[in-house]
Amino acid sequence: MKIYNLKDLDKQNNRRKDIAIKAVKKVDPDFYRGKRKFDIPRKTEGKQKILDRLEREENELLH
């Protein structure tokens, strides 16, 4: 059975995370950690209109 050192695992994870973030920023320069897929506009105009309407109705109910 192999024994893992937590420091080594953290270093590997951080290195992989940095590589992944660099790759994403090449595709989407506006990327930030924690950005959710549904924060971006939809490609389908009809769906985006529906989402905008639902968001507007939700804001009206909250205020």
C-alpha atoms as a PDB file:
ATOM      1  CA  MET A   1       0.000   0.000   0.000  1.00  0.00           C
ATOM      2  CA  LYS A   2       1.338   3.425  -0.944  1.00  0.00           C
ATOM      3  CA  ILE A   3       1.565   6.202   1.636  1.00  0.00           C
ATOM      4  CA  TYR A   4       0.771   9.742   0.466  1.00  0.00           C
ATOM      5  CA  ASN A   5       2.174  12.908   1.950  1.00  0.00           C
ATOM      6  CA  LEU A   6      -0.496  15.612   2.269  1.00  0.00           C
ATOM      7  CA  LYS A   7       1.959  18.378   1.355  1.00  0.00           C
ATOM      8  CA  ASP A   8       2.800  16.603  -1.892  1.00  0.00           C
ATOM      9  CA  LEU A   9      -0.878  16.094  -2.680  1.00  0.00           C
ATOM     10  CA  ASP A  10      -1.590  19.782  -2.054  1.00  0.00           C
ATOM     11  CA  LYS A  11       1.286  20.795  -4.340  1.00  0.00           C
ATOM     12  CA  GLN A  12       0.024  18.492  -7.098  1.00  0.00           C
ATOM     13  CA  ASN A  13      -3.545  19.752  -6.743  1.00  0.00           C
ATOM     14  CA  ASN A  14      -2.460  23.395  -6.820  1.00  0.00           C
ATOM     15  CA  ARG A  15      -0.285  22.792  -9.879  1.00  0.00           C
ATOM     16  CA  ARG A  16      -3.138  21.029 -11.708  1.00  0.00           C
ATOM     17  CA  LYS A  17      -5.565  23.770 -10.696  1.00  0.00           C
ATOM     18  CA  ASP A  18      -3.212  26.455 -12.044  1.00  0.00           C
ATOM     19  CA  ILE A  19      -2.811  24.576 -15.326  1.00  0.00           C
ATOM     20  CA  ALA A  20      -6.589  24.205 -15.650  1.00  0.00           C
ATOM     21  CA  ILE A  21      -7.214  27.900 -14.925  1.00  0.00           C
ATOM     22  CA  LYS A  22      -4.608  28.947 -17.508  1.00  0.00           C
ATOM     23  CA  ALA A  23      -6.276  26.687 -20.082  1.00  0.00           C
ATOM     24  CA  VAL A  24      -9.727  28.105 -19.333  1.00  0.00           C
ATOM     25  CA  LYS A  25      -8.466  31.696 -19.537  1.00  0.00           C
ATOM     26  CA  LYS A  26      -7.182  30.994 -23.059  1.00  0.00           C
ATOM     27  CA  VAL A  27     -10.743  30.121 -24.070  1.00  0.00           C
ATOM     28  CA  ASP A  28     -12.615  32.595 -21.835  1.00  0.00           C
ATOM     29  CA  PRO A  29     -10.494  35.615 -20.791  1.00  0.00           C
ATOM     30  CA  ASP A  30     -13.293  36.833 -18.473  1.00  0.00           C
ATOM     31  CA  PHE A  31     -13.139  33.635 -16.400  1.00  0.00           C
ATOM     32  CA  TYR A  32     -12.900  33.952 -12.643  1.00  0.00           C
ATOM     33  CA  ARG A  33     -12.929  31.260  -9.992  1.00  0.00           C
ATOM     34  CA  GLY A  34     -16.469  30.530  -8.951  1.00  0.00           C
ATOM     35  CA  LYS A  35     -17.983  31.605 -12.284  1.00  0.00           C
ATOM     36  CA  ARG A  36     -21.012  29.482 -12.968  1.00  0.00           C
ATOM     37  CA  LYS A  37     -22.035  28.259 -16.388  1.00  0.00           C
ATOM     38  CA  PHE A  38     -25.513  29.787 -16.106  1.00  0.00           C
ATOM     39  CA  ASP A  39     -24.088  33.287 -15.484  1.00  0.00           C
ATOM     40  CA  ILE A  40     -23.240  33.594 -19.181  1.00  0.00           C
ATOM     41  CA  PRO A  41     -25.855  34.608 -21.780  1.00  0.00           C
ATOM     42  CA  ARG A  42     -27.605  31.838 -23.670  1.00  0.00           C
ATOM     43  CA  LYS A  43     -26.935  31.207 -27.341  1.00  0.00           C
ATOM     44  CA  THR A  44     -30.640  30.644 -27.951  1.00  0.00           C
ATOM     45  CA  GLU A  45     -32.419  33.986 -27.897  1.00  0.00           C
ATOM     46  CA  GLY A  46     -35.788  32.581 -26.819  1.00  0.00           C
ATOM     47  CA  LYS A  47     -34.340  30.839 -23.785  1.00  0.00           C
ATOM     48  CA  GLN A  48     -32.464  33.986 -22.776  1.00  0.00           C
ATOM     49  CA  LYS A  49     -35.696  36.028 -22.962  1.00  0.00           C
ATOM     50  CA  ILE A  50     -37.453  33.510 -20.734  1.00  0.00           C
ATOM     51  CA  LEU A  51     -34.584  33.556 -18.227  1.00  0.00           C
ATOM     52  CA  ASP A  52     -34.574  37.361 -18.195  1.00  0.00           C
ATOM     53  CA  ARG A  53     -38.342  37.434 -17.622  1.00  0.00           C
ATOM     54  CA  LEU A  54     -38.111  34.895 -14.781  1.00  0.00           C
ATOM     55  CA  GLU A  55     -35.282  36.839 -13.160  1.00  0.00           C
ATOM     56  CA  ARG A  56     -37.267  40.081 -13.446  1.00  0.00           C
ATOM     57  CA  GLU A  57     -40.348  38.449 -11.895  1.00  0.00           C
ATOM     58  CA  GLU A  58     -38.244  37.011  -9.083  1.00  0.00           C
ATOM     59  CA  ASN A  59     -36.745  40.438  -8.358  1.00  0.00           C
ATOM     60  CA  GLU A  60     -40.237  41.992  -8.288  1.00  0.00           C
ATOM     61  CA  LEU A  61     -41.377  39.405  -5.749  1.00  0.00           C
ATOM     62  CA  LEU A  62     -38.344  40.010  -3.548  1.00  0.00           C
ATOM     63  CA  HIS A  63     -38.777  43.802  -3.460  1.00  0.00           C
END
